[in-house]
């Protein structure tokens, strides 16, 4: 049994594919063949309720919900639902988000 000391990092899975987009967004992809033709994506934004200022309580949670309503590219909730459906997602069932003190996590699966 291999033990890892308190100051050591966990070994990295050799199947991880890591990179960074031109806008600075970093990503990690883990290939998975089971179940076939499915995906799960998590977008972690390191901003949460701790980043709210005076008079902004609840803003991080509110913005989390707004993302699934519309964006600049998908201007209405119908447009957003159509885009999610085109990915194989069932809108409002295969998409979710959660905001905590330090981060907001958006999840899509199909």
N, C-alpha and C. Protein backbone atom coordinates (compact mmCIF):
# COMPACT_ATOMS: atom_id res chain seq x y z
N UNK A 1 0.85 -1.18 0.00
CA UNK A 1 0.00 0.00 0.00
C UNK A 1 0.89 1.24 0.00
N UNK A 2 0.70 2.07 -1.01
CA UNK A 2 1.49 3.29 -1.12
C UNK A 2 0.82 4.40 -0.31
N UNK A 3 1.61 5.08 0.51
CA UNK A 3 1.09 6.17 1.33
C UNK A 3 1.63 7.49 0.79
N UNK A 4 0.82 8.52 0.93
CA UNK A 4 1.21 9.84 0.50
C UNK A 4 1.29 10.73 1.73
N UNK A 5 2.42 11.40 1.88
CA UNK A 5 2.63 12.26 3.03
C UNK A 5 1.80 13.54 2.95
N UNK A 6 1.65 14.22 4.07
CA UNK A 6 0.82 15.42 4.17
C UNK A 6 1.26 16.51 3.19
N UNK A 7 2.54 16.64 2.92
CA UNK A 7 3.03 17.68 2.03
C UNK A 7 3.14 17.26 0.58
N UNK A 8 2.78 16.02 0.28
CA UNK A 8 2.93 15.50 -1.09
C UNK A 8 1.64 15.67 -1.89
N UNK A 9 1.80 15.75 -3.20
CA UNK A 9 0.65 15.80 -4.10
C UNK A 9 0.23 14.38 -4.49
N UNK A 10 -1.06 14.22 -4.75
CA UNK A 10 -1.55 12.95 -5.26
C UNK A 10 -0.98 12.71 -6.65
N UNK A 11 -0.71 11.48 -7.02
CA UNK A 11 -0.21 11.22 -8.38
C UNK A 11 -1.28 11.57 -9.40
N UNK A 12 -0.86 12.11 -10.54
CA UNK A 12 -1.79 12.52 -11.58
C UNK A 12 -2.16 11.33 -12.45
N UNK A 13 -3.43 11.24 -12.80
CA UNK A 13 -3.91 10.20 -13.70
C UNK A 13 -3.24 10.41 -15.06
N UNK A 14 -2.56 9.41 -15.61
CA UNK A 14 -1.86 9.58 -16.88
C UNK A 14 -2.81 9.79 -18.07
N UNK A 15 -4.11 9.53 -17.90
CA UNK A 15 -5.06 9.72 -19.00
C UNK A 15 -5.54 11.17 -19.12
N UNK A 16 -5.19 12.02 -18.15
CA UNK A 16 -5.64 13.41 -18.19
C UNK A 16 -5.03 14.15 -19.38
N UNK A 17 -5.86 14.92 -20.04
CA UNK A 17 -5.41 15.81 -21.10
C UNK A 17 -5.65 17.23 -20.58
N UNK A 18 -4.56 17.98 -20.39
CA UNK A 18 -4.67 19.32 -19.82
C UNK A 18 -4.22 20.34 -20.84
N UNK A 19 -4.82 21.53 -20.76
CA UNK A 19 -4.41 22.59 -21.66
C UNK A 19 -4.94 23.93 -21.21
N UNK A 20 -4.64 24.94 -22.01
CA UNK A 20 -5.11 26.29 -21.72
C UNK A 20 -5.52 26.94 -23.03
N UNK A 21 -6.70 27.57 -23.03
CA UNK A 21 -7.19 28.26 -24.20
C UNK A 21 -6.53 29.63 -24.30
N UNK A 22 -6.66 30.26 -25.44
CA UNK A 22 -6.06 31.56 -25.67
C UNK A 22 -6.52 32.64 -24.70
N UNK A 23 -7.73 32.47 -24.15
CA UNK A 23 -8.25 33.47 -23.22
C UNK A 23 -7.81 33.19 -21.77
N UNK A 24 -6.96 32.18 -21.58
CA UNK A 24 -6.46 31.87 -20.24
C UNK A 24 -7.26 30.81 -19.50
N UNK A 25 -8.38 30.37 -20.06
CA UNK A 25 -9.18 29.34 -19.40
C UNK A 25 -8.45 28.00 -19.50
N UNK A 26 -8.23 27.38 -18.36
CA UNK A 26 -7.56 26.08 -18.32
C UNK A 26 -8.60 24.97 -18.34
N UNK A 27 -8.24 23.84 -18.93
CA UNK A 27 -9.17 22.71 -18.99
C UNK A 27 -8.44 21.41 -18.70
N UNK A 28 -9.23 20.43 -18.28
CA UNK A 28 -8.75 19.06 -18.07
C UNK A 28 -9.80 18.14 -18.68
N UNK A 29 -9.38 17.23 -19.53
CA UNK A 29 -10.28 16.26 -20.15
C UNK A 29 -9.83 14.88 -19.70
N UNK A 30 -10.81 14.07 -19.29
CA UNK A 30 -10.53 12.70 -18.91
C UNK A 30 -11.35 11.80 -19.83
N UNK A 31 -10.71 11.14 -20.79
CA UNK A 31 -11.44 10.24 -21.67
C UNK A 31 -12.10 9.10 -20.88
N UNK A 32 -13.30 8.75 -21.30
CA UNK A 32 -14.04 7.69 -20.63
C UNK A 32 -14.91 6.99 -21.67
N UNK A 33 -14.74 5.71 -21.83
CA UNK A 33 -15.48 4.98 -22.87
C UNK A 33 -16.78 4.38 -22.36
N UNK A 34 -17.06 4.46 -21.06
CA UNK A 34 -18.29 3.90 -20.51
C UNK A 34 -18.97 4.94 -19.65
N UNK A 35 -20.20 5.27 -19.91
CA UNK A 35 -21.05 4.79 -21.00
C UNK A 35 -20.65 5.44 -22.33
N UNK A 36 -20.95 4.72 -23.42
CA UNK A 36 -20.58 5.19 -24.75
C UNK A 36 -21.38 6.44 -25.14
N UNK A 37 -20.74 7.29 -25.94
CA UNK A 37 -21.40 8.45 -26.54
C UNK A 37 -22.02 9.40 -25.50
N UNK A 38 -21.37 9.55 -24.37
CA UNK A 38 -21.85 10.44 -23.31
C UNK A 38 -20.72 11.37 -22.90
N UNK A 39 -21.07 12.50 -22.29
CA UNK A 39 -20.05 13.38 -21.74
C UNK A 39 -20.58 14.07 -20.49
N UNK A 40 -19.67 14.51 -19.68
CA UNK A 40 -19.96 15.32 -18.50
C UNK A 40 -18.94 16.44 -18.50
N UNK A 41 -19.41 17.66 -18.36
CA UNK A 41 -18.51 18.81 -18.32
C UNK A 41 -18.80 19.65 -17.10
N UNK A 42 -17.76 20.00 -16.37
CA UNK A 42 -17.86 20.91 -15.24
C UNK A 42 -17.02 22.13 -15.53
N UNK A 43 -17.60 23.30 -15.37
CA UNK A 43 -16.87 24.56 -15.48
C UNK A 43 -16.81 25.13 -14.07
N UNK A 44 -15.60 25.24 -13.55
CA UNK A 44 -15.41 25.75 -12.20
C UNK A 44 -14.92 27.20 -12.30
N UNK A 45 -15.69 28.10 -11.73
CA UNK A 45 -15.34 29.53 -11.68
C UNK A 45 -14.97 29.83 -10.23
N UNK A 46 -13.76 30.27 -10.03
CA UNK A 46 -13.31 30.53 -8.66
C UNK A 46 -13.80 31.90 -8.20
N UNK A 47 -15.10 32.03 -8.12
CA UNK A 47 -15.78 33.21 -7.58
C UNK A 47 -17.06 32.72 -6.93
N UNK A 48 -17.31 33.16 -5.74
CA UNK A 48 -18.50 32.74 -5.02
C UNK A 48 -19.00 33.85 -4.12
N UNK A 49 -19.78 33.48 -3.13
CA UNK A 49 -20.39 34.48 -2.27
C UNK A 49 -19.37 35.28 -1.47
N UNK A 50 -18.18 34.75 -1.24
CA UNK A 50 -17.15 35.50 -0.51
C UNK A 50 -16.67 36.70 -1.31
N UNK A 51 -16.91 36.69 -2.62
CA UNK A 51 -16.47 37.79 -3.47
C UNK A 51 -17.50 38.91 -3.58
N UNK A 52 -18.65 38.71 -2.97
CA UNK A 52 -19.69 39.73 -3.01
C UNK A 52 -19.34 40.87 -2.06
N UNK A 53 -19.66 42.08 -2.49
CA UNK A 53 -19.43 43.25 -1.65
C UNK A 53 -20.70 43.63 -0.90
N UNK A 54 -20.61 44.69 -0.14
CA UNK A 54 -21.79 45.21 0.55
C UNK A 54 -22.88 45.49 -0.47
N UNK A 55 -24.09 45.09 -0.17
CA UNK A 55 -25.21 45.31 -1.06
C UNK A 55 -25.29 44.32 -2.20
N UNK A 56 -24.44 43.31 -2.22
CA UNK A 56 -24.43 42.32 -3.31
C UNK A 56 -24.79 40.91 -2.83
N UNK A 57 -25.25 40.78 -1.61
CA UNK A 57 -25.53 39.44 -1.09
C UNK A 57 -26.51 38.69 -1.98
N UNK A 58 -26.13 37.50 -2.40
CA UNK A 58 -26.94 36.67 -3.28
C UNK A 58 -26.66 36.87 -4.76
N UNK A 59 -25.81 37.84 -5.11
CA UNK A 59 -25.54 38.13 -6.52
C UNK A 59 -24.87 36.95 -7.23
N UNK A 60 -23.91 36.30 -6.59
CA UNK A 60 -23.23 35.16 -7.21
C UNK A 60 -24.23 34.05 -7.53
N UNK A 61 -25.12 33.77 -6.62
CA UNK A 61 -26.13 32.73 -6.83
C UNK A 61 -27.11 33.15 -7.94
N UNK A 62 -27.49 34.41 -7.95
CA UNK A 62 -28.39 34.94 -8.98
C UNK A 62 -27.75 34.79 -10.37
N UNK A 63 -26.48 35.18 -10.49
CA UNK A 63 -25.79 35.09 -11.78
C UNK A 63 -25.66 33.64 -12.25
N UNK A 64 -25.49 32.72 -11.29
CA UNK A 64 -25.44 31.29 -11.63
C UNK A 64 -26.70 30.89 -12.38
N UNK A 65 -27.86 31.35 -11.90
CA UNK A 65 -29.13 31.01 -12.56
C UNK A 65 -29.27 31.71 -13.91
N UNK A 66 -28.81 32.95 -13.98
CA UNK A 66 -28.94 33.72 -15.22
C UNK A 66 -28.22 33.07 -16.38
N UNK A 67 -27.10 32.41 -16.13
CA UNK A 67 -26.34 31.81 -17.22
C UNK A 67 -27.17 30.80 -18.01
N UNK A 68 -28.05 30.07 -17.33
CA UNK A 68 -28.86 29.07 -18.02
C UNK A 68 -30.11 29.68 -18.65
N UNK A 69 -30.36 30.97 -18.40
CA UNK A 69 -31.52 31.63 -19.01
C UNK A 69 -31.19 32.17 -20.40
N UNK A 70 -30.03 32.80 -20.53
CA UNK A 70 -29.64 33.40 -21.81
C UNK A 70 -28.21 33.91 -21.71
N UNK A 71 -27.58 34.06 -22.87
CA UNK A 71 -26.25 34.66 -22.96
C UNK A 71 -26.28 35.63 -24.14
N UNK A 72 -25.19 36.28 -24.40
CA UNK A 72 -25.14 37.17 -25.56
C UNK A 72 -25.39 36.39 -26.85
N UNK A 73 -24.84 35.18 -26.95
CA UNK A 73 -25.01 34.38 -28.16
C UNK A 73 -26.38 33.70 -28.23
N UNK A 74 -26.90 33.27 -27.09
CA UNK A 74 -28.21 32.61 -27.01
C UNK A 74 -29.12 33.52 -26.20
N UNK A 75 -29.78 34.46 -26.91
CA UNK A 75 -30.45 35.59 -26.28
C UNK A 75 -31.71 35.32 -25.48
N UNK A 76 -32.32 34.15 -25.64
CA UNK A 76 -33.52 33.83 -24.88
C UNK A 76 -33.37 32.45 -24.25
N UNK A 77 -34.25 32.18 -23.30
CA UNK A 77 -34.19 30.85 -22.67
C UNK A 77 -34.53 29.76 -23.69
N UNK A 78 -35.37 30.07 -24.69
CA UNK A 78 -35.66 29.09 -25.74
C UNK A 78 -34.41 28.80 -26.57
N UNK A 79 -33.65 29.86 -26.88
CA UNK A 79 -32.39 29.67 -27.62
C UNK A 79 -31.42 28.82 -26.81
N UNK A 80 -31.34 29.08 -25.52
CA UNK A 80 -30.44 28.32 -24.64
C UNK A 80 -30.88 26.86 -24.59
N UNK A 81 -32.17 26.63 -24.43
CA UNK A 81 -32.69 25.25 -24.39
C UNK A 81 -32.41 24.52 -25.70
N UNK A 82 -32.55 25.22 -26.84
CA UNK A 82 -32.29 24.60 -28.14
C UNK A 82 -30.81 24.22 -28.26
N UNK A 83 -29.93 25.10 -27.78
CA UNK A 83 -28.49 24.79 -27.84
C UNK A 83 -28.17 23.59 -26.97
N UNK A 84 -28.70 23.56 -25.75
CA UNK A 84 -28.46 22.41 -24.86
C UNK A 84 -29.01 21.13 -25.48
N UNK A 85 -30.19 21.21 -26.08
CA UNK A 85 -30.78 20.03 -26.73
C UNK A 85 -29.91 19.55 -27.89
N UNK A 86 -29.30 20.48 -28.62
CA UNK A 86 -28.45 20.09 -29.75
C UNK A 86 -27.21 19.33 -29.27
N UNK A 87 -26.82 19.52 -28.02
CA UNK A 87 -25.70 18.78 -27.44
C UNK A 87 -26.12 17.43 -26.87
N UNK A 88 -27.42 17.17 -26.87
CA UNK A 88 -27.92 15.92 -26.31
C UNK A 88 -28.37 16.07 -24.87
N UNK A 89 -28.36 17.30 -24.37
CA UNK A 89 -28.80 17.55 -22.99
C UNK A 89 -30.31 17.73 -22.95
N UNK A 90 -30.93 17.28 -21.90
CA UNK A 90 -32.32 17.61 -21.64
C UNK A 90 -32.30 18.88 -20.79
N UNK A 91 -32.76 20.01 -21.36
CA UNK A 91 -32.70 21.25 -20.59
C UNK A 91 -33.37 21.12 -19.23
N UNK A 92 -32.74 21.68 -18.23
CA UNK A 92 -33.21 21.71 -16.84
C UNK A 92 -33.07 20.36 -16.14
N UNK A 93 -32.67 19.33 -16.85
CA UNK A 93 -32.45 18.02 -16.21
C UNK A 93 -30.97 17.66 -16.25
N UNK A 94 -30.30 17.95 -17.36
CA UNK A 94 -28.90 17.59 -17.55
C UNK A 94 -27.97 18.79 -17.38
N UNK A 95 -28.48 19.87 -16.85
CA UNK A 95 -27.64 21.05 -16.59
C UNK A 95 -27.94 21.53 -15.18
N UNK A 96 -26.90 21.96 -14.50
CA UNK A 96 -27.08 22.40 -13.13
C UNK A 96 -25.91 23.30 -12.76
N UNK A 97 -26.04 23.96 -11.64
CA UNK A 97 -24.96 24.80 -11.13
C UNK A 97 -25.11 24.91 -9.62
N UNK A 98 -24.02 25.24 -8.97
CA UNK A 98 -24.02 25.44 -7.52
C UNK A 98 -23.01 26.51 -7.17
N UNK A 99 -23.38 27.38 -6.26
CA UNK A 99 -22.49 28.43 -5.79
C UNK A 99 -22.23 28.21 -4.32
N UNK A 100 -20.97 28.28 -3.94
CA UNK A 100 -20.64 28.20 -2.52
C UNK A 100 -19.83 29.44 -2.15
N UNK A 101 -19.12 29.37 -1.07
CA UNK A 101 -18.41 30.53 -0.55
C UNK A 101 -17.29 30.99 -1.49
N UNK A 102 -16.59 30.03 -2.14
CA UNK A 102 -15.41 30.40 -2.93
C UNK A 102 -15.50 30.10 -4.41
N UNK A 103 -16.55 29.41 -4.86
CA UNK A 103 -16.61 29.04 -6.28
C UNK A 103 -18.04 28.81 -6.75
N UNK A 104 -18.17 28.79 -8.07
CA UNK A 104 -19.43 28.44 -8.73
C UNK A 104 -19.08 27.34 -9.74
N UNK A 105 -19.84 26.26 -9.72
CA UNK A 105 -19.59 25.13 -10.62
C UNK A 105 -20.82 24.92 -11.50
N UNK A 106 -20.59 24.95 -12.82
CA UNK A 106 -21.64 24.71 -13.80
C UNK A 106 -21.42 23.31 -14.37
N UNK A 107 -22.49 22.52 -14.50
CA UNK A 107 -22.38 21.14 -14.96
C UNK A 107 -23.33 20.90 -16.15
N UNK A 108 -22.80 20.27 -17.18
CA UNK A 108 -23.60 19.81 -18.32
C UNK A 108 -23.30 18.34 -18.55
N UNK A 109 -24.31 17.56 -18.85
CA UNK A 109 -24.06 16.17 -19.22
C UNK A 109 -25.03 15.77 -20.33
N UNK A 110 -24.60 14.87 -21.15
CA UNK A 110 -25.44 14.37 -22.25
C UNK A 110 -24.95 12.99 -22.63
